Each structure stands twice: as C-alpha cells, then as structure tokens.
Amino acid sequence: MNIKVGTAYNAGTNIYYEVLGNPAHETLLLISGLGSQLVYWTDELCQVFVDRHFQVVRFDNRDVGLSSKTSGHAQPVSEILRSEGVNAPYSLSDMAADTIGILDALEIETAHMMGVSLGGMIAQTLAIEFPQRVRSLVSIMSAPSPRMAISDDDISAEAVSKSLTLDLNNPETYVDLQVEGYRATSGPHFDDAYIRQILQCSFNRCYHPAGWSFQMAAARASGDRLSGLSRLTLPSLIIHGAADPLIPVSSGQATAAAIPNARLMIIEDMGHCLLAPHWAPVADAVAELAKNARHLPLPTT
C-alpha cells in the first residue's frame, strides 16, 4: 500500500499524518481515541475504506505518536476523572483546529470526518465549529458531553484506572496491562493478537503517557456539545456498540437524538473497540452516508 506522509501545523503544534488511497476520491479523515496513535487505524482497516473509494487520512493527535508534545506537568488521570474542575492546557476546539490544519496542508476543502471515542468528540466539535469543511460526520462509541463519557460500571472503572495510569518503561509490561484493559472493554470479538500488534507498534513509535492525561483534560474541560449538535444540518451517522462497557450506548443515543436527522446504528456485539467483524458493515454505512452527502450543499458558515 502506497502511503504519503507529512506534517501539518497549527498555532505552533505539529501534527503528523499519513494519506492512503486515490487522491481523486473523496477524503475520509480518521480521528483516533484517547491516547491512541494513528496505528489504531491499521493498514487492513484503512484498506476497507479505500476499497469503498475513499482517500483515507489518519494522523496522530497532539500529545501522541509523532505529533507535538505539551510541556509541563500532566495531572494524573485518576484526579481528572474525580475532579469537577480541570486545568487543561488546550481544548477539543484546539484539537479540531489541528485537524483543519491537515486539510489545509493537503489543500483539501472538505472531508468526511470519522472519529472513535475521544476522536468522535473531536469530530463533533469539527462539525459544530467548522461546518463548511465537514462533508459528513461519523461519531463512533462516543458521547456529546463529558458527563456521559465514562460508564458507572465497576468493571469499566477498574479497566480505565489500570490502562490510563501506566508509567512503565518496560514494553512487555506496558503491552500486557493495556491488553487487559482492552480485554475488559472490547466486547465478545476481542482479538488478543491484533490488539497486541497495535499496542507494541504504539510503544515502539512513541511512549508518552502524559498524552493520556492532557487529552482527557481537554475532553473534560471542553463542556457539553448538545446545543451545538442540535444546530447541525450535515449528514450524520452515530455508531455505538450495545456491548460497550466504557461509554454506555445511551451516550450514542443522546448524540443521535441531539442531531437533526442523524442515523443511529447500534451494533449488538460491539464493545469499545472497532474490530474486524464490524469493519464491513461500518464501512458500508459510512459509504452510504457519503453518497447521500454528495447531493447536499455545505453550510456557508
């Protein structure tokens, strides 16, 4: 697979990106979740979308992978989860602006935005703040508000606590503990070998545990998006797993209810991870959304 690499710039922040597929096709921009690098969107997964005639762009959000890192002290994740007031060095709006910087660097006017978990929150923010650049919105296993973003389930809370408070320099220990977090939250199709491959690649590319904290602080501090979502007019697809123990399916339902004419797609056997059994139905739904979006004008502001 031919991959084009580059770096975009936004207000002093460098964002590393990769482009796959035919540049003559419409662009699908993939936005990763909390602490996740672009390798979450594996070559095999990207190919599923390339086969449906998308040019795919994947990238490292700020504070992970090969993108810029924030200086200063990172508040422990456990404190961020418990705290009502969060001191965040940047917001989801800043992360959305990073994404627009990628489009500008590639000289792409509009794109279909698809994000998972935290990436879904960034995609929602893009649709609200940059509607003229967003052809359609796909929000997967995400939430419209920080208060809806973490389940009250005890198992989920324990998994989050273990997987988000790691500061380990041993790759085997890091991967083993992260795998257990994924095992607890990914649903019945959990694939140990597939997840290990992603985590090992992430560790090798760049191990930066502070990124989890800074990104979570951004999500917690950015507030509720329900009002902004209610004003959207673009085609929107909200996907959630009924077996998601981390962000409850009610959060996906709330997102869909907030957006006029949004389609809600609930996948019964999907947890908090996009795994191979669900790639084809998700990609088909995204392709259908993109097809419908072609016939609609973009908002002017």
Protein backbone atom coordinates (compact mmCIF):
# COMPACT_ATOMS: atom_id res chain seq x y z
CA MET A 1 0.00 0.00 0.00
CA ASN A 2 1.37 3.40 -1.01
CA ILE A 3 1.39 5.81 1.95
CA LYS A 4 2.11 9.53 1.72
CA VAL A 5 3.39 11.13 4.94
CA GLY A 6 3.51 14.75 6.04
CA THR A 7 3.32 17.24 8.89
CA ALA A 8 0.65 19.91 9.34
CA TYR A 9 0.98 22.98 11.53
CA ASN A 10 -1.50 24.77 13.78
CA ALA A 11 -0.50 27.57 16.16
CA GLY A 12 2.88 26.05 16.99
CA THR A 13 1.67 22.45 17.06
CA ASN A 14 2.98 19.90 14.56
CA ILE A 15 0.61 17.12 13.51
CA TYR A 16 1.98 14.04 11.75
CA TYR A 17 -0.34 12.48 9.17
CA GLU A 18 -0.47 9.73 6.56
CA VAL A 19 -2.56 9.53 3.40
CA LEU A 20 -3.70 6.30 1.75
CA GLY A 21 -5.73 5.70 -1.38
CA ASN A 22 -6.63 7.56 -4.55
CA PRO A 23 -6.44 11.38 -4.24
CA ALA A 24 -9.22 11.63 -6.83
CA HIS A 25 -11.63 10.10 -4.32
CA GLU A 26 -13.42 11.91 -1.50
CA THR A 27 -11.40 12.23 1.69
CA LEU A 28 -12.28 10.35 4.88
CA LEU A 29 -10.36 11.70 7.85
CA LEU A 30 -9.95 9.20 10.71
CA ILE A 31 -9.62 10.59 14.24
CA SER A 32 -8.22 8.37 16.98
CA GLY A 33 -9.41 7.95 20.56
CA LEU A 34 -7.83 8.85 23.88
CA GLY A 35 -4.09 8.21 23.88
CA SER A 36 -4.30 6.26 20.63
CA GLN A 37 -1.90 6.74 17.75
CA LEU A 38 -2.72 6.54 14.06
CA VAL A 39 -1.71 2.86 14.11
CA TYR A 40 -5.14 2.20 15.69
CA TRP A 41 -6.32 2.65 12.09
CA THR A 42 -4.33 -0.31 10.78
CA ASP A 43 -3.46 -0.72 7.12
CA GLU A 44 -6.02 -3.51 6.89
CA LEU A 45 -8.78 -1.33 8.33
CA CYS A 46 -7.85 1.62 6.12
CA GLN A 47 -7.95 -0.65 3.08
CA VAL A 48 -11.60 -1.43 3.80
CA PHE A 49 -12.38 2.26 3.31
CA VAL A 50 -10.01 2.66 0.37
CA ASP A 51 -11.89 -0.20 -1.31
CA ARG A 52 -15.05 1.89 -0.93
CA HIS A 53 -13.48 4.73 -2.89
CA PHE A 54 -12.22 6.98 -0.12
CA GLN A 55 -8.88 8.67 0.15
CA VAL A 56 -8.06 7.96 3.80
CA VAL A 57 -6.15 10.32 6.09
CA ARG A 58 -5.02 9.09 9.51
CA PHE A 59 -2.94 11.11 11.96
CA ASP A 60 -1.51 11.39 15.45
CA ASN A 61 -3.42 13.80 17.66
CA ARG A 62 -1.25 16.21 19.62
CA ASP A 63 0.50 14.56 22.58
CA VAL A 64 0.70 11.10 21.00
CA GLY A 65 2.80 9.41 18.36
CA LEU A 66 4.94 11.63 16.16
CA SER A 67 2.99 14.85 16.77
CA SER A 68 3.95 17.69 19.14
CA LYS A 69 4.01 17.11 22.89
CA THR A 70 2.76 19.55 25.52
CA SER A 71 5.30 20.73 28.08
CA GLY A 72 4.54 20.97 31.78
CA HIS A 73 3.06 18.74 34.46
CA ALA A 74 0.32 16.29 33.47
CA GLN A 75 -2.40 15.86 36.08
CA PRO A 76 -2.92 12.16 36.95
CA VAL A 77 -5.83 10.61 35.09
CA SER A 78 -7.40 9.40 38.34
CA GLU A 79 -7.57 13.01 39.55
CA ILE A 80 -9.05 14.22 36.27
CA LEU A 81 -11.79 11.58 36.48
CA ARG A 82 -12.68 12.60 40.04
CA SER A 83 -12.32 16.36 39.69
CA GLU A 84 -15.14 18.76 38.85
CA GLY A 85 -12.74 21.48 37.71
CA VAL A 86 -9.97 20.56 35.27
CA ASN A 87 -6.96 22.67 34.35
CA ALA A 88 -6.45 21.82 30.68
CA PRO A 89 -3.63 23.30 28.56
CA TYR A 90 -5.80 23.01 25.45
CA SER A 91 -9.34 22.12 24.42
CA LEU A 92 -11.18 19.92 21.95
CA SER A 93 -11.55 23.08 19.85
CA ASP A 94 -7.76 23.25 19.60
CA MET A 95 -7.61 19.59 18.59
CA ALA A 96 -10.31 20.24 15.97
CA ALA A 97 -8.23 23.13 14.62
CA ASP A 98 -5.26 20.74 14.38
CA THR A 99 -7.40 18.59 12.12
CA ILE A 100 -8.33 21.52 9.90
CA GLY A 101 -4.60 22.19 9.61
CA ILE A 102 -4.21 18.78 7.97
CA LEU A 103 -6.87 19.62 5.38
CA ASP A 104 -5.14 22.93 4.71
CA ALA A 105 -1.75 21.24 4.33
CA LEU A 106 -3.23 18.81 1.81
CA GLU A 107 -5.23 21.57 0.08
CA ILE A 108 -8.45 19.67 0.70
CA GLU A 109 -11.51 21.87 1.05
CA THR A 110 -13.89 19.36 2.68
CA ALA A 111 -13.76 15.87 4.13
CA HIS A 112 -15.91 13.26 5.80
CA MET A 113 -14.96 13.23 9.49
CA MET A 114 -14.98 9.94 11.40
CA GLY A 115 -13.82 9.60 14.99
CA VAL A 116 -13.88 6.95 17.69
CA SER A 117 -14.35 7.71 21.40
CA LEU A 118 -12.38 10.94 22.06
CA GLY A 119 -12.00 11.14 18.28
CA GLY A 120 -15.78 11.19 18.00
CA MET A 121 -15.87 14.18 20.33
CA ILE A 122 -13.31 15.94 18.15
CA ALA A 123 -15.34 15.08 15.03
CA GLN A 124 -18.45 16.53 16.68
CA THR A 125 -16.52 19.69 17.54
CA LEU A 126 -15.34 19.96 13.94
CA ALA A 127 -18.90 19.72 12.66
CA ILE A 128 -20.02 22.45 15.07
CA GLU A 129 -17.11 24.86 14.64
CA PHE A 130 -16.07 24.20 11.02
CA PRO A 131 -19.30 23.12 9.27
CA GLN A 132 -18.10 24.47 5.92
CA ARG A 133 -15.20 21.96 5.97
CA VAL A 134 -17.16 18.87 7.06
CA ARG A 135 -18.99 16.92 4.37
CA SER A 136 -20.44 14.40 6.85
CA LEU A 137 -19.99 13.33 10.47
CA VAL A 138 -19.42 9.80 11.77
CA SER A 139 -19.19 9.54 15.57
CA ILE A 140 -18.41 6.06 16.92
CA MET A 141 -18.55 4.86 20.56
CA SER A 142 -18.52 8.48 21.72
CA ALA A 143 -20.55 10.97 23.75
CA PRO A 144 -21.92 14.51 23.41
CA SER A 145 -20.82 15.61 26.86
CA PRO A 146 -18.01 14.81 29.32
CA ARG A 147 -20.58 13.79 31.92
CA MET A 148 -21.73 10.99 29.58
CA ALA A 149 -18.25 9.82 28.61
CA ILE A 150 -17.47 7.16 31.21
CA SER A 151 -19.75 4.37 32.38
CA ASP A 152 -20.54 3.92 36.06
CA ASP A 153 -19.88 0.20 35.62
CA ASP A 154 -17.33 -1.00 38.21
CA ILE A 155 -15.50 -3.24 35.72
CA SER A 156 -15.12 -0.35 33.29
CA ALA A 157 -13.88 1.96 36.00
CA GLU A 158 -11.24 -0.56 37.05
CA ALA A 159 -10.14 -1.11 33.43
CA VAL A 160 -9.85 2.63 32.85
CA SER A 161 -7.90 3.11 36.06
CA LYS A 162 -5.39 0.40 35.16
CA SER A 163 -4.94 1.27 31.50
CA LEU A 164 -4.78 5.05 31.86
CA THR A 165 -2.43 5.37 34.82
CA LEU A 166 0.51 3.49 33.40
CA ASP A 167 4.00 4.94 33.53
CA LEU A 168 6.02 1.91 32.55
CA ASN A 169 9.20 1.76 30.55
CA ASN A 170 9.13 -1.99 30.01
CA PRO A 171 7.32 -2.72 26.72
CA GLU A 172 6.16 -6.20 27.72
CA THR A 173 4.60 -4.95 30.95
CA TYR A 174 3.03 -1.99 29.18
CA VAL A 175 1.51 -4.13 26.45
CA ASP A 176 0.27 -6.81 28.87
CA LEU A 177 -1.54 -4.30 31.11
CA GLN A 178 -3.02 -2.40 28.17
CA VAL A 179 -4.23 -5.65 26.63
CA GLU A 180 -6.14 -6.43 29.82
CA GLY A 181 -7.82 -3.02 29.61
CA TYR A 182 -8.89 -3.75 26.03
CA ARG A 183 -9.99 -7.27 27.01
CA ALA A 184 -12.37 -5.80 29.59
CA THR A 185 -13.90 -3.24 27.24
CA SER A 186 -13.70 -4.55 23.65
CA GLY A 187 -16.69 -6.89 23.71
CA PRO A 188 -17.08 -10.50 22.58
CA HIS A 189 -14.86 -10.19 19.48
CA PHE A 190 -11.73 -9.19 21.40
CA ASP A 191 -8.65 -10.21 19.37
CA ASP A 192 -5.55 -10.56 21.56
CA ALA A 193 -3.02 -10.80 18.72
CA TYR A 194 -4.49 -7.85 16.81
CA ILE A 195 -4.57 -5.59 19.87
CA ARG A 196 -1.05 -6.62 20.92
CA GLN A 197 0.25 -5.70 17.48
CA ILE A 198 -1.26 -2.21 17.72
CA LEU A 199 0.00 -1.64 21.26
CA GLN A 200 3.51 -2.88 20.52
CA CYS A 201 3.70 -0.65 17.46
CA SER A 202 2.45 2.30 19.51
CA PHE A 203 5.07 1.71 22.19
CA ASN A 204 7.83 1.47 19.60
CA ARG A 205 6.76 4.64 17.78
CA CYS A 206 6.47 6.84 20.88
CA TYR A 207 5.72 6.07 24.52
CA HIS A 208 4.29 9.24 26.08
CA PRO A 209 1.91 8.51 28.98
CA ALA A 210 1.34 12.21 29.71
CA GLY A 211 -0.61 12.38 26.46
CA TRP A 212 -3.46 10.42 28.02
CA SER A 213 -3.77 12.99 30.80
CA PHE A 214 -3.58 16.07 28.60
CA GLN A 215 -6.14 14.70 26.15
CA MET A 216 -8.53 13.60 28.87
CA ALA A 217 -8.25 17.03 30.50
CA ALA A 218 -9.15 18.61 27.15
CA ALA A 219 -12.26 16.43 26.88
CA ARG A 220 -13.35 17.08 30.46
CA ALA A 221 -12.79 20.84 30.21
CA SER A 222 -14.49 21.36 26.86
CA GLY A 223 -18.02 21.06 28.15
CA ASP A 224 -21.31 19.99 26.65
CA ARG A 225 -21.88 19.91 22.86
CA LEU A 226 -25.62 19.18 22.85
CA SER A 227 -26.65 22.71 21.90
CA GLY A 228 -24.13 22.88 19.07
CA LEU A 229 -25.11 19.44 17.80
CA SER A 230 -28.76 20.50 17.67
CA ARG A 231 -27.87 23.15 15.07
CA LEU A 232 -26.13 20.78 12.66
CA THR A 233 -27.58 20.27 9.21
CA LEU A 234 -24.97 17.92 7.74
CA PRO A 235 -25.49 14.16 7.24
CA SER A 236 -24.56 12.37 10.46
CA LEU A 237 -24.08 8.74 11.44
CA ILE A 238 -23.80 7.74 15.09
CA ILE A 239 -22.48 4.22 15.72
CA HIS A 240 -22.35 2.55 19.12
CA GLY A 241 -21.87 -0.93 20.46
CA ALA A 242 -24.58 -2.32 22.68
CA ALA A 243 -21.81 -4.25 24.47
CA ASP A 244 -19.72 -1.13 25.21
CA PRO A 245 -18.99 -1.09 28.97
CA LEU A 246 -16.83 2.03 28.84
CA ILE A 247 -19.04 4.64 27.17
CA PRO A 248 -22.64 3.43 27.52
CA VAL A 249 -24.87 3.05 24.50
CA SER A 250 -27.12 5.73 25.98
CA SER A 251 -24.38 8.24 25.14
CA GLY A 252 -24.57 7.32 21.47
CA GLN A 253 -28.34 7.53 21.63
CA ALA A 254 -28.09 11.00 23.18
CA THR A 255 -25.72 12.13 20.42
CA ALA A 256 -28.07 10.91 17.70
CA ALA A 257 -31.08 12.46 19.41
CA ALA A 258 -29.34 15.83 19.53
CA ILE A 259 -28.52 15.99 15.80
CA PRO A 260 -31.43 16.61 13.42
CA ASN A 261 -31.99 13.64 11.09
CA ALA A 262 -28.96 11.72 12.37
CA ARG A 263 -28.90 7.98 11.74
CA LEU A 264 -28.25 5.81 14.80
CA MET A 265 -26.57 2.45 14.16
CA ILE A 266 -26.36 0.18 17.21
CA ILE A 267 -24.21 -2.93 16.79
CA GLU A 268 -25.29 -5.57 19.29
CA ASP A 269 -21.99 -7.45 19.66
CA MET A 270 -19.60 -4.48 19.57
CA GLY A 271 -17.78 -3.18 22.64
CA HIS A 272 -15.46 -0.19 22.92
CA CYS A 273 -13.23 -1.15 20.00
CA LEU A 274 -13.65 -1.31 16.24
CA LEU A 275 -12.67 -4.88 15.41
CA ALA A 276 -12.60 -6.84 12.15
CA PRO A 277 -16.11 -8.40 12.33
CA HIS A 278 -17.59 -4.90 12.24
CA TRP A 279 -15.37 -3.27 9.61
CA ALA A 280 -17.52 -4.12 6.59
CA PRO A 281 -20.91 -3.05 8.00
CA VAL A 282 -19.42 0.16 9.38
CA ALA A 283 -17.64 0.94 6.11
CA ASP A 284 -20.79 0.24 4.11
CA ALA A 285 -22.77 2.62 6.32
CA VAL A 286 -20.10 5.31 6.00
CA ALA A 287 -20.03 4.92 2.22
CA GLU A 288 -23.82 5.25 2.08
CA LEU A 289 -23.65 8.39 4.23
CA ALA A 290 -21.01 9.88 1.93
CA LYS A 291 -23.12 9.07 -1.13
CA ASN A 292 -26.10 10.91 0.37
CA ALA A 293 -23.91 13.87 1.35
CA ARG A 294 -22.82 14.47 -2.25
CA HIS A 295 -26.26 15.80 -3.13
CA LEU A 296 -26.38 18.35 -0.30
CA PRO A 297 -24.88 21.86 -0.15
CA LEU A 298 -22.39 22.72 2.57
CA PRO A 299 -23.25 25.34 5.21
CA THR A 300 -21.76 28.73 4.38
CA THR A 301 -20.61 29.41 7.96
